[in-house]
Amino acid sequence: MWHETLIAKNARMALLLKNVLRMTDIQKQAMKLRADVIRRGDVGVAQ
C-alpha cells in the first residue's frame, strides 16, 4: 500500500491500516472495483 509508513505513524490511521493489511488480494481488488463504481457515480442508478 502506498504511503503505508506515513499512515502507520498516525494512531487513528494505523487502526485502518491494520484492517487493510489483513485483507486478501481478492478483497482489496473488490474494494478497488467498488471505489471505481462510486467515483463514476454509478451507485444507486436505476437500470
PDB file of N, CA and C in Angstrom:
ATOM      1  N   MET A   1       0.845  -1.174   0.000  1.00  0.00           N
ATOM      2  CA  MET A   1       0.000   0.000   0.000  1.00  0.00           C
ATOM      3  C   MET A   1       0.890   1.237   0.000  1.00  0.00           C
ATOM      4  N   TRP A   2       0.580   2.179  -0.854  1.00  0.00           N
ATOM      5  CA  TRP A   2       1.403   3.376  -0.910  1.00  0.00           C
ATOM      6  C   TRP A   2       1.168   4.223   0.337  1.00  0.00           C
ATOM      7  N   HIS A   3       2.195   4.874   0.805  1.00  0.00           N
ATOM      8  CA  HIS A   3       2.197   5.723   1.997  1.00  0.00           C
ATOM      9  C   HIS A   3       1.972   4.929   3.284  1.00  0.00           C
ATOM     10  N   GLU A   4       2.231   3.635   3.242  1.00  0.00           N
ATOM     11  CA  GLU A   4       2.000   2.780   4.407  1.00  0.00           C
ATOM     12  C   GLU A   4       2.782   3.248   5.631  1.00  0.00           C
ATOM     13  N   THR A   5       4.047   3.590   5.466  1.00  0.00           N
ATOM     14  CA  THR A   5       4.859   4.005   6.610  1.00  0.00           C
ATOM     15  C   THR A   5       4.372   5.332   7.179  1.00  0.00           C
ATOM     16  N   LEU A   6       3.924   6.235   6.325  1.00  0.00           N
ATOM     17  CA  LEU A   6       3.410   7.520   6.790  1.00  0.00           C
ATOM     18  C   LEU A   6       2.095   7.331   7.549  1.00  0.00           C
ATOM     19  N   ILE A   7       1.217   6.512   7.007  1.00  0.00           N
ATOM     20  CA  ILE A   7      -0.080   6.254   7.638  1.00  0.00           C
ATOM     21  C   ILE A   7       0.105   5.571   8.990  1.00  0.00           C
ATOM     22  N   ALA A   8       1.036   4.656   9.088  1.00  0.00           N
ATOM     23  CA  ALA A   8       1.262   3.901  10.314  1.00  0.00           C
ATOM     24  C   ALA A   8       1.683   4.795  11.478  1.00  0.00           C
ATOM     25  N   LYS A   9       2.227   5.956  11.190  1.00  0.00           N
ATOM     26  CA  LYS A   9       2.670   6.863  12.243  1.00  0.00           C
ATOM     27  C   LYS A   9       1.503   7.574  12.932  1.00  0.00           C
ATOM     28  N   ASN A  10       0.368   7.633  12.272  1.00  0.00           N
ATOM     29  CA  ASN A  10      -0.814   8.274  12.832  1.00  0.00           C
ATOM     30  C   ASN A  10      -1.656   7.202  13.531  1.00  0.00           C
ATOM     31  N   ALA A  11      -1.909   7.363  14.824  1.00  0.00           N
ATOM     32  CA  ALA A  11      -2.596   6.337  15.620  1.00  0.00           C
ATOM     33  C   ALA A  11      -3.976   5.987  15.053  1.00  0.00           C
ATOM     34  N   ARG A  12      -4.733   6.975  14.648  1.00  0.00           N
ATOM     35  CA  ARG A  12      -6.078   6.707  14.103  1.00  0.00           C
ATOM     36  C   ARG A  12      -6.005   5.980  12.765  1.00  0.00           C
ATOM     37  N   MET A  13      -5.090   6.403  11.933  1.00  0.00           N
ATOM     38  CA  MET A  13      -4.949   5.774  10.627  1.00  0.00           C
ATOM     39  C   MET A  13      -4.330   4.382  10.728  1.00  0.00           C
ATOM     40  N   ALA A  14      -3.513   4.165  11.752  1.00  0.00           N
ATOM     41  CA  ALA A  14      -2.874   2.858  11.934  1.00  0.00           C
ATOM     42  C   ALA A  14      -3.913   1.768  12.137  1.00  0.00           C
ATOM     43  N   LEU A  15      -5.012   2.082  12.814  1.00  0.00           N
ATOM     44  CA  LEU A  15      -6.079   1.099  13.000  1.00  0.00           C
ATOM     45  C   LEU A  15      -6.682   0.689  11.662  1.00  0.00           C
ATOM     46  N   LEU A  16      -6.910   1.663  10.790  1.00  0.00           N
ATOM     47  CA  LEU A  16      -7.443   1.361   9.466  1.00  0.00           C
ATOM     48  C   LEU A  16      -6.436   0.566   8.640  1.00  0.00           C
ATOM     49  N   LEU A  17      -5.179   0.939   8.754  1.00  0.00           N
ATOM     50  CA  LEU A  17      -4.130   0.257   8.007  1.00  0.00           C
ATOM     51  C   LEU A  17      -4.041  -1.216   8.404  1.00  0.00           C
ATOM     52  N   LYS A  18      -4.162  -1.500   9.691  1.00  0.00           N
ATOM     53  CA  LYS A  18      -4.113  -2.894  10.154  1.00  0.00           C
ATOM     54  C   LYS A  18      -5.221  -3.715   9.500  1.00  0.00           C
ATOM     55  N   ASN A  19      -6.403  -3.129   9.386  1.00  0.00           N
ATOM     56  CA  ASN A  19      -7.508  -3.843   8.745  1.00  0.00           C
ATOM     57  C   ASN A  19      -7.232  -4.083   7.272  1.00  0.00           C
ATOM     58  N   VAL A  20      -6.670  -3.102   6.593  1.00  0.00           N
ATOM     59  CA  VAL A  20      -6.355  -3.265   5.171  1.00  0.00           C
ATOM     60  C   VAL A  20      -5.290  -4.338   4.982  1.00  0.00           C
ATOM     61  N   LEU A  21      -4.293  -4.365   5.852  1.00  0.00           N
ATOM     62  CA  LEU A  21      -3.219  -5.345   5.723  1.00  0.00           C
ATOM     63  C   LEU A  21      -3.710  -6.771   5.960  1.00  0.00           C
ATOM     64  N   ARG A  22      -4.814  -6.908   6.680  1.00  0.00           N
ATOM     65  CA  ARG A  22      -5.393  -8.246   6.919  1.00  0.00           C
ATOM     66  C   ARG A  22      -6.208  -8.747   5.729  1.00  0.00           C
ATOM     67  N   MET A  23      -6.567  -7.852   4.838  1.00  0.00           N
ATOM     68  CA  MET A  23      -7.410  -8.222   3.700  1.00  0.00           C
ATOM     69  C   MET A  23      -6.634  -9.075   2.692  1.00  0.00           C
ATOM     70  N   THR A  24      -7.356  -9.988   2.061  1.00  0.00           N
ATOM     71  CA  THR A  24      -6.754 -10.784   0.997  1.00  0.00           C
ATOM     72  C   THR A  24      -6.661  -9.929  -0.267  1.00  0.00           C
ATOM     73  N   ASP A  25      -5.895 -10.387  -1.231  1.00  0.00           N
ATOM     74  CA  ASP A  25      -5.780  -9.664  -2.501  1.00  0.00           C
ATOM     75  C   ASP A  25      -7.132  -9.559  -3.194  1.00  0.00           C
ATOM     76  N   ILE A  26      -7.946 -10.596  -3.091  1.00  0.00           N
ATOM     77  CA  ILE A  26      -9.274 -10.588  -3.716  1.00  0.00           C
ATOM     78  C   ILE A  26     -10.156  -9.530  -3.057  1.00  0.00           C
ATOM     79  N   GLN A  27     -10.091  -9.413  -1.740  1.00  0.00           N
ATOM     80  CA  GLN A  27     -10.869  -8.405  -1.027  1.00  0.00           C
ATOM     81  C   GLN A  27     -10.411  -6.996  -1.405  1.00  0.00           C
ATOM     82  N   LYS A  28      -9.114  -6.806  -1.538  1.00  0.00           N
ATOM     83  CA  LYS A  28      -8.589  -5.500  -1.927  1.00  0.00           C
ATOM     84  C   LYS A  28      -9.040  -5.136  -3.341  1.00  0.00           C
ATOM     85  N   GLN A  29      -9.018  -6.100  -4.229  1.00  0.00           N
ATOM     86  CA  GLN A  29      -9.453  -5.852  -5.608  1.00  0.00           C
ATOM     87  C   GLN A  29     -10.934  -5.493  -5.641  1.00  0.00           C
ATOM     88  N   ALA A  30     -11.748  -6.198  -4.858  1.00  0.00           N
ATOM     89  CA  ALA A  30     -13.179  -5.895  -4.797  1.00  0.00           C
ATOM     90  C   ALA A  30     -13.413  -4.487  -4.263  1.00  0.00           C
ATOM     91  N   MET A  31     -12.635  -4.083  -3.284  1.00  0.00           N
ATOM     92  CA  MET A  31     -12.756  -2.744  -2.722  1.00  0.00           C
ATOM     93  C   MET A  31     -12.393  -1.689  -3.767  1.00  0.00           C
ATOM     94  N   LYS A  32     -11.349  -1.943  -4.548  1.00  0.00           N
ATOM     95  CA  LYS A  32     -10.942  -1.007  -5.595  1.00  0.00           C
ATOM     96  C   LYS A  32     -12.014  -0.894  -6.676  1.00  0.00           C
ATOM     97  N   LEU A  33     -12.602  -2.020  -7.058  1.00  0.00           N
ATOM     98  CA  LEU A  33     -13.657  -2.002  -8.065  1.00  0.00           C
ATOM     99  C   LEU A  33     -14.870  -1.225  -7.566  1.00  0.00           C
ATOM    100  N   ARG A  34     -15.242  -1.436  -6.307  1.00  0.00           N
ATOM    101  CA  ARG A  34     -16.375  -0.724  -5.722  1.00  0.00           C
ATOM    102  C   ARG A  34     -16.084   0.788  -5.669  1.00  0.00           C
ATOM    103  N   ALA A  35     -14.860   1.156  -5.328  1.00  0.00           N
ATOM    104  CA  ALA A  35     -14.481   2.570  -5.291  1.00  0.00           C
ATOM    105  C   ALA A  35     -14.586   3.193  -6.679  1.00  0.00           C
ATOM    106  N   ASP A  36     -14.194   2.443  -7.706  1.00  0.00           N
ATOM    107  CA  ASP A  36     -14.304   2.942  -9.083  1.00  0.00           C
ATOM    108  C   ASP A  36     -15.758   3.212  -9.451  1.00  0.00           C
ATOM    109  N   VAL A  37     -16.657   2.309  -9.059  1.00  0.00           N
ATOM    110  CA  VAL A  37     -18.083   2.483  -9.329  1.00  0.00           C
ATOM    111  C   VAL A  37     -18.594   3.745  -8.637  1.00  0.00           C
ATOM    112  N   ILE A  38     -18.194   3.937  -7.397  1.00  0.00           N
ATOM    113  CA  ILE A  38     -18.622   5.118  -6.644  1.00  0.00           C
ATOM    114  C   ILE A  38     -18.078   6.387  -7.286  1.00  0.00           C
ATOM    115  N   ARG A  39     -16.806   6.371  -7.688  1.00  0.00           N
ATOM    116  CA  ARG A  39     -16.213   7.558  -8.322  1.00  0.00           C
ATOM    117  C   ARG A  39     -16.909   7.935  -9.622  1.00  0.00           C
ATOM    118  N   ARG A  40     -17.339   6.927 -10.365  1.00  0.00           N
ATOM    119  CA  ARG A  40     -18.047   7.189 -11.630  1.00  0.00           C
ATOM    120  C   ARG A  40     -19.462   7.686 -11.396  1.00  0.00           C
ATOM    121  N   GLY A  41     -19.978   7.500 -10.188  1.00  0.00           N
ATOM    122  CA  GLY A  41     -21.337   7.934  -9.875  1.00  0.00           C
ATOM    123  C   GLY A  41     -22.385   6.913 -10.274  1.00  0.00           C
ATOM    124  N   ASP A  42     -21.985   5.670 -10.470  1.00  0.00           N
ATOM    125  CA  ASP A  42     -22.907   4.622 -10.887  1.00  0.00           C
ATOM    126  C   ASP A  42     -23.637   3.960  -9.722  1.00  0.00           C
ATOM    127  N   VAL A  43     -23.497   4.481  -8.541  1.00  0.00           N
ATOM    128  CA  VAL A  43     -24.136   3.902  -7.367  1.00  0.00           C
ATOM    129  C   VAL A  43     -25.561   4.422  -7.257  1.00  0.00           C
ATOM    130  N   GLY A  44     -26.495   3.508  -7.072  1.00  0.00           N
ATOM    131  CA  GLY A  44     -27.891   3.905  -6.868  1.00  0.00           C
ATOM    132  C   GLY A  44     -28.625   4.332  -8.126  1.00  0.00           C
ATOM    133  N   VAL A  45     -28.031   4.089  -9.272  1.00  0.00           N
ATOM    134  CA  VAL A  45     -28.661   4.467 -10.534  1.00  0.00           C
ATOM    135  C   VAL A  45     -29.527   3.310 -11.003  1.00  0.00           C
ATOM    136  N   ALA A  46     -30.811   3.608 -11.234  1.00  0.00           N
ATOM    137  CA  ALA A  46     -31.735   2.572 -11.696  1.00  0.00           C
ATOM    138  C   ALA A  46     -31.424   2.220 -13.139  1.00  0.00           C
ATOM    139  N   GLN A  47     -31.498   0.955 -13.434  1.00  0.00           N
ATOM    140  CA  GLN A  47     -31.209   0.471 -14.787  1.00  0.00           C
ATOM    141  C   GLN A  47     -32.473   0.417 -15.617  1.00  0.00           C
TER     142      GLN A  47
END
